[in-house]
C-alpha atoms as a PDB file:
ATOM      1  CA  MET A   1     200.395  65.721 -18.738  1.00  0.00           C
ATOM      2  CA  ALA A   2     198.886  63.003 -16.551  1.00  0.00           C
ATOM      3  CA  LYS A   3     200.051  62.695 -12.990  1.00  0.00           C
ATOM      4  CA  THR A   4     201.921  59.540 -12.089  1.00  0.00           C
ATOM      5  CA  LYS A   5     200.466  57.722  -9.110  1.00  0.00           C
ATOM      6  CA  THR A   6     203.005  56.257  -6.754  1.00  0.00           C
ATOM      7  CA  ARG A   7     202.786  54.283  -3.551  1.00  0.00           C
ATOM      8  CA  PRO A   8     205.294  53.639  -0.800  1.00  0.00           C
ATOM      9  CA  TYR A   9     207.698  50.769  -1.328  1.00  0.00           C
ATOM     10  CA  ASP A  10     206.881  47.830   0.939  1.00  0.00           C
ATOM     11  CA  PRO A  11     209.494  45.062   0.979  1.00  0.00           C
ATOM     12  CA  ALA A  12     206.939  42.695   2.568  1.00  0.00           C
ATOM     13  CA  GLU A  13     205.242  42.469  -0.834  1.00  0.00           C
ATOM     14  CA  TYR A  14     208.370  40.878  -2.309  1.00  0.00           C
ATOM     15  CA  LEU A  15     209.103  38.315   0.409  1.00  0.00           C
ATOM     16  CA  LYS A  16     207.321  35.309  -1.056  1.00  0.00           C
ATOM     17  CA  THR A  17     209.346  32.330   0.165  1.00  0.00           C
ATOM     18  CA  ASP A  18     210.975  31.300   3.426  1.00  0.00           C
ATOM     19  CA  GLU A  19     214.314  31.557   1.636  1.00  0.00           C
ATOM     20  CA  ASP A  20     213.587  35.173   0.646  1.00  0.00           C
ATOM     21  CA  MET A  21     212.750  35.995   4.251  1.00  0.00           C
ATOM     22  CA  ALA A  22     215.843  34.280   5.635  1.00  0.00           C
ATOM     23  CA  ALA A  23     218.091  36.091   3.137  1.00  0.00           C
ATOM     24  CA  TYR A  24     216.486  39.435   4.008  1.00  0.00           C
ATOM     25  CA  LEU A  25     217.090  38.848   7.728  1.00  0.00           C
ATOM     26  CA  GLU A  26     220.642  37.625   7.065  1.00  0.00           C
ATOM     27  CA  ALA A  27     221.440  40.888   5.293  1.00  0.00           C
ATOM     28  CA  ALA A  28     220.130  42.869   8.266  1.00  0.00           C
ATOM     29  CA  LEU A  29     222.122  40.730  10.710  1.00  0.00           C
ATOM     30  CA  GLU A  30     225.288  41.294   8.687  1.00  0.00           C
ATOM     31  CA  ASP A  31     224.721  45.047   8.922  1.00  0.00           C
ATOM     32  CA  GLY A  32     224.521  44.697  12.695  1.00  0.00           C
ATOM     33  CA  ASP A  33     222.204  47.653  13.347  1.00  0.00           C
ATOM     34  CA  PRO A  34     219.649  46.597  16.014  1.00  0.00           C
ATOM     35  CA  VAL A  35     217.037  49.042  14.677  1.00  0.00           C
ATOM     36  CA  LEU A  36     217.381  47.576  11.183  1.00  0.00           C
ATOM     37  CA  ILE A  37     217.162  44.010  12.513  1.00  0.00           C
ATOM     38  CA  THR A  38     214.000  44.828  14.469  1.00  0.00           C
ATOM     39  CA  HIS A  39     212.457  46.560  11.461  1.00  0.00           C
ATOM     40  CA  THR A  40     213.398  43.614   9.224  1.00  0.00           C
ATOM     41  CA  LEU A  41     211.685  41.177  11.589  1.00  0.00           C
ATOM     42  CA  GLY A  42     208.605  43.393  11.411  1.00  0.00           C
ATOM     43  CA  VAL A  43     208.637  43.343   7.614  1.00  0.00           C
ATOM     44  CA  ILE A  44     208.967  39.550   7.599  1.00  0.00           C
ATOM     45  CA  ALA A  45     206.172  39.283  10.166  1.00  0.00           C
ATOM     46  CA  ARG A  46     203.875  41.375   7.953  1.00  0.00           C
ATOM     47  CA  ALA A  47     204.774  39.223   4.943  1.00  0.00           C
ATOM     48  CA  LYS A  48     203.873  36.052   6.875  1.00  0.00           C
ATOM     49  CA  GLY A  49     200.810  37.540   8.566  1.00  0.00           C
ATOM     50  CA  MET A  50     200.902  39.441  11.823  1.00  0.00           C
ATOM     51  CA  ALA A  51     197.674  37.917  13.177  1.00  0.00           C
ATOM     52  CA  GLN A  52     198.991  34.378  12.769  1.00  0.00           C
ATOM     53  CA  LEU A  53     202.323  35.389  14.289  1.00  0.00           C
ATOM     54  CA  ALA A  54     200.485  36.829  17.292  1.00  0.00           C
ATOM     55  CA  ARG A  55     198.693  33.512  17.788  1.00  0.00           C
ATOM     56  CA  ASP A  56     201.912  31.521  17.377  1.00  0.00           C
ATOM     57  CA  THR A  57     203.871  33.649  19.851  1.00  0.00           C
ATOM     58  CA  GLY A  58     201.085  34.268  22.351  1.00  0.00           C
ATOM     59  CA  LEU A  59     201.714  38.008  22.067  1.00  0.00           C
ATOM     60  CA  GLY A  60     199.217  40.704  21.109  1.00  0.00           C
ATOM     61  CA  ARG A  61     199.111  41.778  17.472  1.00  0.00           C
ATOM     62  CA  GLU A  62     199.292  45.464  18.381  1.00  0.00           C
ATOM     63  CA  SER A  63     202.237  44.919  20.710  1.00  0.00           C
ATOM     64  CA  LEU A  64     204.033  43.004  17.945  1.00  0.00           C
ATOM     65  CA  TYR A  65     203.504  45.862  15.502  1.00  0.00           C
ATOM     66  CA  LYS A  66     204.923  48.280  18.065  1.00  0.00           C
ATOM     67  CA  ALA A  67     207.860  46.065  19.135  1.00  0.00           C
ATOM     68  CA  LEU A  68     208.862  45.227  15.552  1.00  0.00           C
ATOM     69  CA  SER A  69     208.668  48.743  14.195  1.00  0.00           C
ATOM     70  CA  ALA A  70     211.730  50.866  13.497  1.00  0.00           C
ATOM     71  CA  GLU A  71     210.973  52.711  16.760  1.00  0.00           C
ATOM     72  CA  GLY A  72     210.428  49.501  18.749  1.00  0.00           C
ATOM     73  CA  ASN A  73     212.830  48.070  21.281  1.00  0.00           C
ATOM     74  CA  PRO A  74     211.700  44.489  21.916  1.00  0.00           C
ATOM     75  CA  GLU A  75     213.120  42.312  24.642  1.00  0.00           C
ATOM     76  CA  PHE A  76     215.413  39.574  23.400  1.00  0.00           C
ATOM     77  CA  ALA A  77     212.892  36.963  24.577  1.00  0.00           C
ATOM     78  CA  THR A  78     210.331  38.551  22.246  1.00  0.00           C
ATOM     79  CA  VAL A  79     212.794  38.456  19.356  1.00  0.00           C
ATOM     80  CA  LEU A  80     213.444  34.763  19.996  1.00  0.00           C
ATOM     81  CA  LYS A  81     209.700  33.990  20.116  1.00  0.00           C
ATOM     82  CA  VAL A  82     209.174  35.833  16.843  1.00  0.00           C
ATOM     83  CA  VAL A  83     212.118  34.171  15.095  1.00  0.00           C
ATOM     84  CA  ARG A  84     210.957  30.727  16.251  1.00  0.00           C
ATOM     85  CA  ALA A  85     207.350  31.386  15.181  1.00  0.00           C
ATOM     86  CA  LEU A  86     208.548  32.592  11.762  1.00  0.00           C
ATOM     87  CA  GLY A  87     210.381  29.299  11.269  1.00  0.00           C
ATOM     88  CA  ILE A  88     213.801  30.952  11.101  1.00  0.00           C
ATOM     89  CA  LYS A  89     216.918  29.665  12.829  1.00  0.00           C
ATOM     90  CA  LEU A  90     219.708  31.948  13.957  1.00  0.00           C
ATOM     91  CA  HIS A  91     223.270  30.621  13.678  1.00  0.00           C
ATOM     92  CA  ALA A  92     226.505  31.854  15.127  1.00  0.00           C
ATOM     93  CA  LYS A  93     229.871  31.712  13.401  1.00  0.00           C
ATOM     94  CA  ALA A  94     233.240  33.108  14.238  1.00  0.00           C
ATOM     95  CA  ALA A  95     233.892  36.549  12.852  1.00  0.00           C
END
């Protein structure tokens, strides 16, 4: 019997449009877990291109990878720079 080759699931491969990315982030925001939100921003950043995001934000590529990982803890100013550079707008509404 032949062995089945598998590879890790990477959601960045499936985020093709800005609408896909916004919906993915919206789902993470609805969950409310800061670690998930940070990780989701990292996935979106990888889908868009981390090198370009680094240029657009003025931050180092390596520091972005670290800050936007599941273990990262970015400052809110960094999150706002990333969101702006990704072309995403955050909205508030009454709960």
